[in-house]
Amino acid sequence: MQLVEITDQAAWDQFVDGQPDGHPLQLWGWGEAKRTNNWTPYRLALMDGDTWAAAVQVLLWPIPRVGRFIAYVPRGPVVDPTQPEATRLFEALAAWAKTHRILYVRVEPAWLEARLPAGWRRAKHTVQLPETYTIDLRQTEAEILEPMSRKHRQYIRKAERDGVSVVRETAGNLAPMYQIYTETAHRAGFGIHTEDYYAELFRSLGDHGPLYYAQYEGRPVAFLWLAAAGTTAYELYGGVTAEGQELKANYFLKWRAMMDMKAAGRVIYDFNGRLNEGVSRFKDGFGPEATDYIGTWDYPINQLGYQLWERLWPIAKPIGRRLLARRHK
């Protein structure tokens, strides 16, 4: 078997979307959107002759003034962790990294359990949260509704009864999304990307990135943006206006998005993290299962450089975000 770089987007997405372990963050479009933040995507397939045995999308970020890169694999690789191909892919990925001036490789698979080959170590810092909530969409609607809190079921019915509707955005009108997200971020105290980033993400993900608006009297009052591939529908971003909160529009919106993903044949609805108390309480009310993935794992190529960078990263990360924000102003 050999590791081969793939340059055919259709073939790549077809493989990722066709695998039970294919995750939306391994889609071609996710890597393309990350170019706006100075990441360079590489798509690598472990080939057995002409057959794809496994695949991994690797994002490379240049460390300023050092001449080396960080390699990051978001929610990958695309391989069954219980099969021998997983070990072969990790070994091939490590060998590839050594030829690309990479300081270390970081992976964050959406796996519940796995044994990584020798040389891989649990990371001190994470990018994606390993703790999340999920719902099994193979259940009937009644089975999904049954564990929900009584308030959540009431709010879903109330919003629909009061005239809230849900539509999927297909024309690329992201202005309402950005306005709602800006309001939500200001209210909750978190940062968001630039409008150009979201426009590129919408274009790159295409049909794999469904964006839903909850509307009231023709006005968008909440949004929910997912990425979907393989068996998984994965929440990316969401927000609600003050009016939408009063209408409980975000409850109805999430329910309708779940049912749309169920109809599309997705199996896992991933809420993308158990966050702070307020957000987690909202998510937990939908009756999901608390799910813990294996976490973040690193393969250091340069041991000394890796140890130094791990000490500097908590300082460098906020500085880098501020510099990036200035650059986009």
Protein backbone atom coordinates (compact mmCIF):
# COMPACT_ATOMS: atom_id res chain seq x y z
CA MET A 1 0.00 0.00 0.00
CA GLN A 2 1.13 3.55 -0.67
CA LEU A 3 -0.02 7.03 0.32
CA VAL A 4 -1.12 9.05 -2.72
CA GLU A 5 -2.13 12.71 -2.92
CA ILE A 6 -5.63 13.10 -4.36
CA THR A 7 -6.46 16.12 -6.55
CA ASP A 8 -9.94 15.04 -7.70
CA GLN A 9 -12.56 16.73 -5.51
CA ALA A 10 -15.47 14.59 -6.72
CA ALA A 11 -13.60 11.34 -6.06
CA TRP A 12 -12.47 12.57 -2.63
CA ASP A 13 -15.92 13.63 -1.46
CA GLN A 14 -17.48 10.47 -2.86
CA PHE A 15 -15.12 8.37 -0.72
CA VAL A 16 -15.58 10.45 2.45
CA ASP A 17 -19.36 10.55 2.07
CA GLY A 18 -19.53 6.82 1.37
CA GLN A 19 -17.66 5.66 4.48
CA PRO A 20 -19.25 5.05 7.91
CA ASP A 21 -16.20 6.78 9.42
CA GLY A 22 -16.26 9.66 6.95
CA HIS A 23 -16.73 12.92 8.82
CA PRO A 24 -17.90 16.29 7.39
CA LEU A 25 -14.67 18.00 8.50
CA GLN A 26 -12.80 15.65 6.17
CA LEU A 27 -14.73 16.94 3.16
CA TRP A 28 -12.82 18.77 0.44
CA GLY A 29 -14.80 21.96 1.03
CA TRP A 30 -13.85 22.19 4.69
CA GLY A 31 -10.17 22.19 3.73
CA GLU A 32 -10.75 24.82 1.04
CA ALA A 33 -12.50 27.14 3.48
CA LYS A 34 -9.56 26.89 5.86
CA ARG A 35 -7.26 28.41 3.24
CA THR A 36 -8.65 31.81 4.25
CA ASN A 37 -6.99 31.29 7.67
CA ASN A 38 -3.61 30.37 6.14
CA TRP A 39 -4.07 26.59 6.25
CA THR A 40 -3.11 24.48 3.22
CA PRO A 41 -5.08 21.24 2.75
CA TYR A 42 -3.60 17.99 1.47
CA ARG A 43 -5.81 15.01 0.67
CA LEU A 44 -4.01 11.69 0.99
CA ALA A 45 -5.37 8.23 0.22
CA LEU A 46 -3.85 4.92 1.25
CA MET A 47 -4.08 2.93 -1.96
CA ASP A 48 -4.08 -0.83 -2.43
CA GLY A 49 -3.48 -0.89 -6.14
CA ASP A 50 -6.38 1.14 -7.55
CA THR A 51 -8.50 0.69 -4.44
CA TRP A 52 -8.86 3.28 -1.69
CA ALA A 53 -8.17 1.60 1.65
CA ALA A 54 -8.29 4.74 3.81
CA ALA A 55 -7.94 8.51 3.50
CA VAL A 56 -6.93 11.57 5.49
CA GLN A 57 -7.27 15.31 4.90
CA VAL A 58 -4.32 17.09 6.51
CA LEU A 59 -4.24 20.85 7.07
CA LEU A 60 -0.79 22.47 7.21
CA TRP A 61 -0.19 25.77 8.99
CA PRO A 62 3.19 27.56 8.70
CA ILE A 63 4.82 28.52 12.00
CA PRO A 64 5.98 32.13 11.46
CA ARG A 65 9.74 32.63 10.97
CA VAL A 66 10.52 28.98 11.70
CA GLY A 67 10.17 27.33 8.29
CA ARG A 68 8.18 24.43 9.70
CA PHE A 69 4.53 23.46 9.74
CA ILE A 70 1.89 22.13 12.08
CA ALA A 71 -0.19 19.35 10.55
CA TYR A 72 -3.77 19.01 11.77
CA VAL A 73 -6.35 16.34 10.93
CA PRO A 74 -9.86 17.52 11.92
CA ARG A 75 -12.14 14.62 12.82
CA GLY A 76 -10.13 12.15 10.81
CA PRO A 77 -8.69 10.04 9.36
CA VAL A 78 -11.34 8.29 7.30
CA VAL A 79 -10.78 4.68 8.27
CA ASP A 80 -12.25 2.06 10.58
CA PRO A 81 -10.00 2.25 13.68
CA THR A 82 -10.43 -1.48 14.34
CA GLN A 83 -8.94 -2.52 10.98
CA PRO A 84 -5.25 -2.99 10.05
CA GLU A 85 -5.57 -0.18 7.50
CA ALA A 86 -5.78 2.30 10.36
CA THR A 87 -2.31 1.39 11.64
CA ARG A 88 -0.90 1.47 8.12
CA LEU A 89 -2.40 4.89 7.48
CA PHE A 90 -0.97 6.35 10.71
CA GLU A 91 2.47 4.97 9.84
CA ALA A 92 2.27 6.34 6.29
CA LEU A 93 1.08 9.71 7.57
CA ALA A 94 4.03 9.95 9.98
CA ALA A 95 6.45 9.09 7.16
CA TRP A 96 4.82 11.71 4.90
CA ALA A 97 5.11 14.34 7.61
CA LYS A 98 8.85 13.77 7.95
CA THR A 99 9.31 14.78 4.32
CA HIS A 100 7.26 18.00 4.60
CA ARG A 101 9.09 19.93 7.34
CA ILE A 102 6.31 19.27 9.81
CA LEU A 103 6.93 19.83 13.52
CA TYR A 104 4.17 17.50 14.63
CA VAL A 105 0.93 15.92 13.42
CA ARG A 106 -2.27 16.36 15.44
CA VAL A 107 -5.35 14.19 14.91
CA GLU A 108 -8.82 14.40 16.47
CA PRO A 109 -10.87 11.43 15.22
CA ALA A 110 -14.57 11.09 15.95
CA TRP A 111 -13.88 7.65 17.40
CA LEU A 112 -15.19 6.21 20.63
CA GLU A 113 -12.18 3.95 21.10
CA ALA A 114 -8.95 3.13 19.32
CA ARG A 115 -5.30 2.20 19.90
CA LEU A 116 -2.91 4.42 18.00
CA PRO A 117 0.49 3.07 16.92
CA ALA A 118 3.70 3.67 18.86
CA GLY A 119 4.94 7.26 18.80
CA TRP A 120 1.51 8.87 19.16
CA ARG A 121 0.79 10.61 22.46
CA ARG A 122 -2.21 12.28 24.03
CA ALA A 123 -2.04 16.06 23.47
CA LYS A 124 -2.24 18.68 26.20
CA HIS A 125 -4.27 21.06 24.04
CA THR A 126 -7.32 20.44 21.86
CA VAL A 127 -8.99 22.10 18.88
CA GLN A 128 -12.31 20.23 18.71
CA LEU A 129 -14.01 19.28 21.96
CA PRO A 130 -13.87 15.51 22.61
CA GLU A 131 -16.99 15.67 24.78
CA THR A 132 -20.21 16.10 22.84
CA TYR A 133 -23.85 15.09 22.61
CA THR A 134 -25.24 12.85 19.87
CA ILE A 135 -28.63 11.51 18.80
CA ASP A 136 -29.15 8.25 16.90
CA LEU A 137 -31.29 9.25 13.92
CA ARG A 138 -32.14 5.63 13.13
CA GLN A 139 -34.81 5.91 15.82
CA THR A 140 -38.37 6.83 14.93
CA GLU A 141 -39.52 10.40 15.46
CA ALA A 142 -41.48 9.27 18.51
CA GLU A 143 -38.39 7.57 19.95
CA ILE A 144 -36.31 10.73 19.44
CA LEU A 145 -38.99 12.89 21.04
CA GLU A 146 -39.55 10.62 24.04
CA PRO A 147 -36.37 11.47 26.06
CA MET A 148 -36.67 15.21 25.39
CA SER A 149 -37.54 17.44 28.32
CA ARG A 150 -41.20 18.37 28.57
CA LYS A 151 -40.28 22.05 28.08
CA HIS A 152 -38.39 21.31 24.87
CA ARG A 153 -41.35 19.45 23.38
CA GLN A 154 -43.66 22.29 24.44
CA TYR A 155 -41.39 24.93 22.90
CA ILE A 156 -41.16 23.03 19.60
CA ARG A 157 -44.96 22.87 19.37
CA LYS A 158 -45.35 26.49 20.53
CA ALA A 159 -42.98 27.89 17.90
CA GLU A 160 -44.74 26.04 15.10
CA ARG A 161 -48.17 27.00 16.43
CA ASP A 162 -47.14 30.68 16.67
CA GLY A 163 -46.15 30.77 13.01
CA VAL A 164 -42.41 30.06 12.99
CA SER A 165 -41.31 28.29 9.80
CA VAL A 166 -37.99 26.72 8.78
CA VAL A 167 -36.40 27.05 5.34
CA ARG A 168 -33.13 25.83 3.91
CA GLU A 169 -30.98 28.51 2.31
CA THR A 170 -29.93 27.53 -1.22
CA ALA A 171 -29.14 30.86 -2.91
CA GLY A 172 -26.23 31.84 -0.68
CA ASN A 173 -27.95 34.71 1.15
CA LEU A 174 -25.72 34.79 4.23
CA ALA A 175 -26.48 38.35 5.34
CA PRO A 176 -29.18 37.27 7.84
CA MET A 177 -26.91 34.53 9.18
CA TYR A 178 -24.04 36.94 9.76
CA GLN A 179 -26.29 39.55 11.40
CA ILE A 180 -27.84 36.98 13.74
CA TYR A 181 -24.46 35.41 14.51
CA THR A 182 -22.93 38.81 15.27
CA GLU A 183 -25.79 39.58 17.67
CA THR A 184 -25.47 36.17 19.31
CA ALA A 185 -21.69 36.46 19.66
CA HIS A 186 -21.98 39.91 21.22
CA ARG A 187 -24.59 38.67 23.67
CA ALA A 188 -22.63 35.52 24.60
CA GLY A 189 -19.14 37.03 24.43
CA PHE A 190 -17.39 34.94 21.76
CA GLY A 191 -15.62 35.78 18.51
CA ILE A 192 -16.64 34.89 14.95
CA HIS A 193 -14.95 34.78 11.54
CA THR A 194 -15.22 37.37 8.80
CA GLU A 195 -18.11 37.43 6.32
CA ASP A 196 -15.72 36.31 3.57
CA TYR A 197 -14.87 33.17 5.53
CA TYR A 198 -18.51 32.10 5.80
CA ALA A 199 -19.15 32.90 2.14
CA GLU A 200 -16.23 30.67 1.14
CA LEU A 201 -17.42 27.92 3.47
CA PHE A 202 -20.95 28.00 2.02
CA ARG A 203 -19.56 27.83 -1.50
CA SER A 204 -17.04 25.10 -0.72
CA LEU A 205 -19.33 22.77 1.21
CA GLY A 206 -22.20 23.05 -1.26
CA ASP A 207 -24.88 20.44 -0.62
CA HIS A 208 -22.81 19.04 2.26
CA GLY A 209 -23.33 22.28 4.24
CA PRO A 210 -27.08 22.77 4.83
CA LEU A 211 -27.94 26.17 6.31
CA TYR A 212 -31.38 26.62 7.85
CA TYR A 213 -33.25 29.77 8.84
CA ALA A 214 -36.14 29.95 11.27
CA GLN A 215 -38.46 32.71 10.04
CA TYR A 216 -41.29 34.65 11.62
CA GLU A 217 -43.48 36.86 9.46
CA GLY A 218 -40.85 36.61 6.74
CA ARG A 219 -37.95 37.66 9.00
CA PRO A 220 -35.09 35.28 9.88
CA VAL A 221 -34.95 35.06 13.68
CA ALA A 222 -32.54 32.12 14.07
CA PHE A 223 -30.15 30.05 11.99
CA LEU A 224 -28.48 26.66 12.19
CA TRP A 225 -25.62 25.60 9.92
CA LEU A 226 -24.62 21.95 9.61
CA ALA A 227 -22.04 19.93 7.73
CA ALA A 228 -23.03 16.42 6.66
CA ALA A 229 -21.08 13.45 5.32
CA GLY A 230 -20.89 9.73 5.88
CA THR A 231 -23.19 8.82 8.73
CA THR A 232 -22.80 12.17 10.51
CA ALA A 233 -24.65 15.48 10.58
CA TYR A 234 -22.48 17.93 12.52
CA GLU A 235 -23.49 21.31 13.90
CA LEU A 236 -21.13 24.08 12.80
CA TYR A 237 -22.74 27.34 13.86
CA GLY A 238 -26.03 28.61 15.21
CA GLY A 239 -27.57 31.79 16.54
CA VAL A 240 -30.85 33.38 17.53
CA THR A 241 -32.13 36.93 17.88
CA ALA A 242 -33.85 38.26 20.99
CA GLU A 243 -37.16 37.95 19.15
CA GLY A 244 -36.30 34.39 18.17
CA GLN A 245 -35.62 33.54 21.79
CA GLU A 246 -39.05 34.79 22.79
CA LEU A 247 -40.63 32.72 20.03
CA LYS A 248 -38.57 29.62 20.97
CA ALA A 249 -37.61 29.51 17.31
CA ASN A 250 -34.26 27.84 17.95
CA TYR A 251 -35.99 24.80 19.50
CA PHE A 252 -38.21 24.27 16.48
CA LEU A 253 -35.29 24.98 14.14
CA LYS A 254 -33.06 22.33 15.64
CA TRP A 255 -35.85 19.77 15.61
CA ARG A 256 -36.62 20.40 11.93
CA ALA A 257 -32.91 20.20 11.02
CA MET A 258 -32.64 16.85 12.81
CA MET A 259 -35.62 15.48 10.91
CA ASP A 260 -34.19 16.74 7.62
CA MET A 261 -30.90 14.95 8.32
CA LYS A 262 -32.79 11.81 9.31
CA ALA A 263 -34.69 11.93 6.00
CA ALA A 264 -31.37 12.34 4.18
CA GLY A 265 -30.14 9.07 5.68
CA ARG A 266 -27.69 10.42 8.25
CA VAL A 267 -27.32 8.25 11.35
CA ILE A 268 -25.57 10.46 13.92
CA TYR A 269 -26.62 13.99 14.83
CA ASP A 270 -23.62 15.56 16.57
CA PHE A 271 -24.27 18.71 18.64
CA ASN A 272 -20.55 19.60 18.42
CA GLY A 273 -19.57 19.84 22.04
CA ARG A 274 -20.73 19.99 25.61
CA LEU A 275 -19.85 23.60 26.32
CA ASN A 276 -20.83 25.95 29.11
CA GLU A 277 -23.76 25.39 31.43
CA GLY A 278 -26.31 27.41 29.49
CA VAL A 279 -25.57 25.96 26.05
CA SER A 280 -25.25 22.43 27.42
CA ARG A 281 -28.59 22.74 29.20
CA PHE A 282 -30.23 23.73 25.91
CA LYS A 283 -28.63 20.80 24.10
CA ASP A 284 -29.22 18.32 26.90
CA GLY A 285 -32.94 19.08 26.83
CA PHE A 286 -33.18 17.36 23.45
CA GLY A 287 -32.45 14.06 25.19
CA PRO A 288 -29.14 13.22 23.49
CA GLU A 289 -26.51 10.74 24.60
CA ALA A 290 -23.34 12.11 26.21
CA THR A 291 -20.59 10.99 23.84
CA ASP A 292 -16.85 11.09 24.52
CA TYR A 293 -14.43 10.66 21.62
CA ILE A 294 -10.84 9.50 22.12
CA GLY A 295 -9.54 13.06 22.23
CA THR A 296 -6.53 14.73 20.64
CA TRP A 297 -3.34 12.84 19.75
CA ASP A 298 0.02 14.13 18.53
CA TYR A 299 2.90 12.59 16.66
CA PRO A 300 6.02 14.74 17.26
CA ILE A 301 8.49 14.78 14.38
CA ASN A 302 10.95 17.07 16.14
CA GLN A 303 10.82 16.30 19.87
CA LEU A 304 12.61 19.42 21.11
CA GLY A 305 10.69 21.75 18.82
CA TYR A 306 7.42 20.09 19.76
CA GLN A 307 8.02 20.51 23.49
CA LEU A 308 8.97 24.16 23.01
CA TRP A 309 5.90 24.86 20.87
CA GLU A 310 3.59 23.21 23.40
CA ARG A 311 4.86 25.62 26.04
CA LEU A 312 4.50 28.63 23.74
CA TRP A 313 1.11 27.71 22.23
CA PRO A 314 -1.10 29.01 25.09
CA ILE A 315 0.63 32.40 24.64
CA ALA A 316 0.88 32.36 20.84
CA LYS A 317 -2.74 31.37 20.18
CA PRO A 318 -4.47 34.53 21.51
CA ILE A 319 -1.79 36.75 19.96
CA GLY A 320 -2.33 35.05 16.60
CA ARG A 321 -6.08 35.57 16.82
CA ARG A 322 -5.64 39.28 17.51
CA LEU A 323 -3.23 39.68 14.58
CA LEU A 324 -5.63 37.83 12.30
CA ALA A 325 -8.52 40.03 13.44
CA ARG A 326 -6.50 43.16 12.64
CA ARG A 327 -5.62 41.79 9.24
CA HIS A 328 -9.30 41.36 8.37
CA LYS A 329 -10.40 44.82 9.54
